[in-house]
N, C-alpha and C. Protein backbone atom coordinates (compact mmCIF):
# COMPACT_ATOMS: atom_id res chain seq x y z
N UNK A 1 9.50 -34.02 14.85
CA UNK A 1 8.28 -33.33 14.25
C UNK A 1 7.32 -32.27 14.93
N UNK A 2 7.27 -31.08 14.83
CA UNK A 2 6.53 -30.10 15.52
C UNK A 2 5.13 -30.07 15.38
N UNK A 3 4.79 -30.50 16.56
CA UNK A 3 3.28 -30.60 16.93
C UNK A 3 2.80 -29.66 18.15
N UNK A 4 1.66 -29.09 17.64
CA UNK A 4 1.11 -28.27 18.80
C UNK A 4 0.91 -28.90 20.14
N UNK A 5 1.20 -27.94 21.28
CA UNK A 5 0.91 -28.90 22.60
C UNK A 5 -0.26 -28.67 23.04
N UNK A 6 -0.76 -27.57 22.80
CA UNK A 6 -2.58 -26.90 23.12
C UNK A 6 -3.25 -26.66 21.86
N UNK A 7 -4.30 -26.90 21.94
CA UNK A 7 -5.52 -26.20 20.82
C UNK A 7 -5.27 -24.64 20.89
N UNK A 8 -5.34 -24.45 19.56
CA UNK A 8 -5.34 -22.81 19.72
C UNK A 8 -6.63 -22.44 19.28
N UNK A 9 -7.12 -21.24 20.31
CA UNK A 9 -8.41 -20.83 20.57
C UNK A 9 -8.87 -20.11 19.01
N UNK A 10 -10.13 -20.09 18.79
CA UNK A 10 -10.87 -19.28 17.81
C UNK A 10 -10.57 -18.16 17.77
N UNK A 11 -10.64 -17.35 18.58
CA UNK A 11 -10.47 -15.72 18.78
C UNK A 11 -8.69 -15.82 18.47
N UNK A 12 -7.76 -16.49 18.88
CA UNK A 12 -6.42 -16.42 18.38
C UNK A 12 -6.27 -16.60 17.06
N UNK A 13 -7.04 -17.73 16.58
CA UNK A 13 -6.86 -18.07 15.17
C UNK A 13 -7.28 -17.11 14.33
N UNK A 14 -8.54 -16.69 14.75
CA UNK A 14 -9.12 -15.64 14.10
C UNK A 14 -8.42 -14.35 13.82
N UNK A 15 -7.74 -13.71 15.03
CA UNK A 15 -6.94 -12.59 14.93
C UNK A 15 -5.78 -12.55 14.00
N UNK A 16 -5.32 -13.82 13.56
CA UNK A 16 -4.21 -13.96 12.62
C UNK A 16 -4.72 -13.77 11.50
N UNK A 17 -5.89 -14.09 10.99
CA UNK A 17 -6.47 -14.06 9.88
C UNK A 17 -7.03 -12.96 9.29
N UNK A 18 -7.49 -11.86 10.39
CA UNK A 18 -8.12 -10.91 10.40
C UNK A 18 -6.95 -9.78 9.55
N UNK A 19 -5.85 -10.27 9.16
CA UNK A 19 -4.94 -9.16 8.55
C UNK A 19 -4.94 -9.49 6.96
N UNK A 20 -5.77 -9.63 6.18
CA UNK A 20 -6.05 -10.02 4.89
C UNK A 20 -6.85 -8.67 4.51
N UNK A 21 -6.37 -7.69 4.02
CA UNK A 21 -7.25 -6.58 3.72
C UNK A 21 -7.00 -6.13 2.44
N UNK A 22 -7.53 -5.45 1.60
CA UNK A 22 -6.92 -5.12 0.37
C UNK A 22 -7.19 -3.33 0.25
N UNK A 23 -6.19 -2.89 -0.34
CA UNK A 23 -5.87 -1.20 -0.17
C UNK A 23 -6.21 -1.00 -1.78
N UNK A 24 -7.12 0.60 -1.50
CA UNK A 24 -7.27 0.93 -3.19
C UNK A 24 -5.67 1.50 -3.55
N UNK A 25 -5.49 1.31 -4.88
CA UNK A 25 -4.30 1.91 -5.36
C UNK A 25 -3.96 3.27 -5.27
N UNK A 26 -2.87 3.88 -4.87
CA UNK A 26 -2.15 5.15 -4.90
C UNK A 26 -2.47 5.90 -6.41
N UNK A 27 -3.13 6.86 -6.38
CA UNK A 27 -3.58 7.67 -7.57
C UNK A 27 -2.72 8.96 -7.42
N UNK A 28 -2.11 9.70 -8.34
CA UNK A 28 -1.58 11.06 -8.31
C UNK A 28 -1.99 11.34 -9.43
N UNK A 29 -2.19 12.99 -9.31
CA UNK A 29 -2.56 13.63 -10.71
C UNK A 29 -1.37 13.95 -11.41
N UNK A 30 -1.50 13.70 -12.80
CA UNK A 30 -0.44 13.96 -13.97
C UNK A 30 -0.17 15.39 -13.94
N UNK A 31 1.05 15.74 -14.23
CA UNK A 31 1.22 17.49 -14.06
C UNK A 31 1.09 17.62 -15.59
N UNK A 32 1.15 16.88 -16.70
CA UNK A 32 0.69 17.54 -18.15
C UNK A 32 -0.50 17.41 -18.28
N UNK A 33 -1.32 16.40 -17.93
CA UNK A 33 -2.94 16.42 -18.69
C UNK A 33 -3.80 16.30 -17.26
N UNK A 34 -3.18 16.19 -16.21
CA UNK A 34 -3.87 16.16 -14.70
C UNK A 34 -5.23 15.07 -14.49
N UNK A 35 -4.86 14.09 -15.39
CA UNK A 35 -5.67 12.59 -15.04
C UNK A 35 -5.30 12.11 -13.97
N UNK A 36 -5.91 11.28 -13.05
CA UNK A 36 -5.17 10.18 -12.26
C UNK A 36 -4.30 9.19 -12.96
N UNK A 37 -2.79 8.99 -12.26
CA UNK A 37 -2.04 7.97 -12.64
C UNK A 37 -1.35 7.27 -11.45
N UNK A 38 -0.75 6.00 -11.78
CA UNK A 38 -0.14 5.59 -10.82
C UNK A 38 1.28 6.50 -10.35
N UNK A 39 1.70 6.39 -9.11
CA UNK A 39 2.90 7.33 -9.12
C UNK A 39 4.52 6.69 -9.80
N UNK A 40 5.11 6.94 -10.18
CA UNK A 40 6.18 6.70 -10.79
C UNK A 40 5.96 5.82 -11.75
N UNK A 41 4.76 5.90 -12.81
CA UNK A 41 4.35 5.30 -14.19
C UNK A 41 4.22 6.24 -15.07
N UNK A 42 4.38 5.82 -16.30
CA UNK A 42 4.02 6.39 -17.24
C UNK A 42 2.52 6.79 -17.44
N UNK A 43 2.31 7.87 -17.65
CA UNK A 43 0.58 8.49 -17.98
C UNK A 43 0.14 7.64 -19.11
N UNK A 44 -1.09 6.75 -18.84
CA UNK A 44 -1.79 6.03 -19.85
C UNK A 44 -2.37 7.33 -20.67
N UNK A 45 -2.62 8.39 -20.47
CA UNK A 45 -3.61 9.10 -21.27
C UNK A 45 -2.60 10.07 -22.05
N UNK A 46 -1.64 10.70 -21.58
CA UNK A 46 -0.76 11.47 -22.19
C UNK A 46 0.53 10.86 -22.91
N UNK A 47 0.81 10.21 -21.84
CA UNK A 47 2.33 9.18 -22.30
C UNK A 47 3.50 9.56 -21.90
N UNK A 48 3.41 10.93 -20.98
CA UNK A 48 4.43 11.69 -20.43
C UNK A 48 4.72 11.03 -19.06
N UNK A 49 6.19 11.17 -18.98
CA UNK A 49 6.83 10.57 -17.46
C UNK A 49 8.03 11.53 -17.14
N UNK A 50 7.96 12.29 -16.13
CA UNK A 50 9.33 12.84 -15.77
C UNK A 50 8.91 14.20 -16.61
N UNK A 51 8.14 14.86 -17.42
CA UNK A 51 8.13 15.98 -18.13
C UNK A 51 8.60 15.73 -19.49
N UNK A 52 8.91 14.29 -19.84
CA UNK A 52 9.36 13.95 -21.41
C UNK A 52 8.15 12.86 -21.82
N UNK A 53 7.75 13.13 -23.27
CA UNK A 53 6.89 12.08 -24.01
C UNK A 53 7.90 10.84 -23.99
N UNK A 54 7.21 9.80 -23.48
CA UNK A 54 7.86 8.41 -23.33
C UNK A 54 7.19 8.03 -24.64
N UNK A 55 5.86 7.49 -24.22
CA UNK A 55 5.26 6.90 -25.45
C UNK A 55 4.48 7.99 -26.10
N UNK A 56 3.94 7.72 -27.34
CA UNK A 56 3.11 8.61 -28.09
C UNK A 56 1.65 8.08 -28.17
N UNK A 57 0.89 8.68 -27.13
CA UNK A 57 -0.67 8.42 -27.21
C UNK A 57 -1.16 9.44 -28.23
N UNK A 58 -2.32 8.52 -28.49
CA UNK A 58 -3.34 9.03 -29.77
C UNK A 58 -4.47 9.73 -29.28
């Protein structure tokens, strides 16, 4: 069974745990309506993707 040979210091332990950070989602402007949208996703405002209407937005 794997057992640690030495106690891990608090600094070393906390360095490993320091890399949990959130990133803001990447947004691009829609070429049709210029609203912010996720890249490679259908625009929720106008329903266009790649210059074609995919869903009908009301």
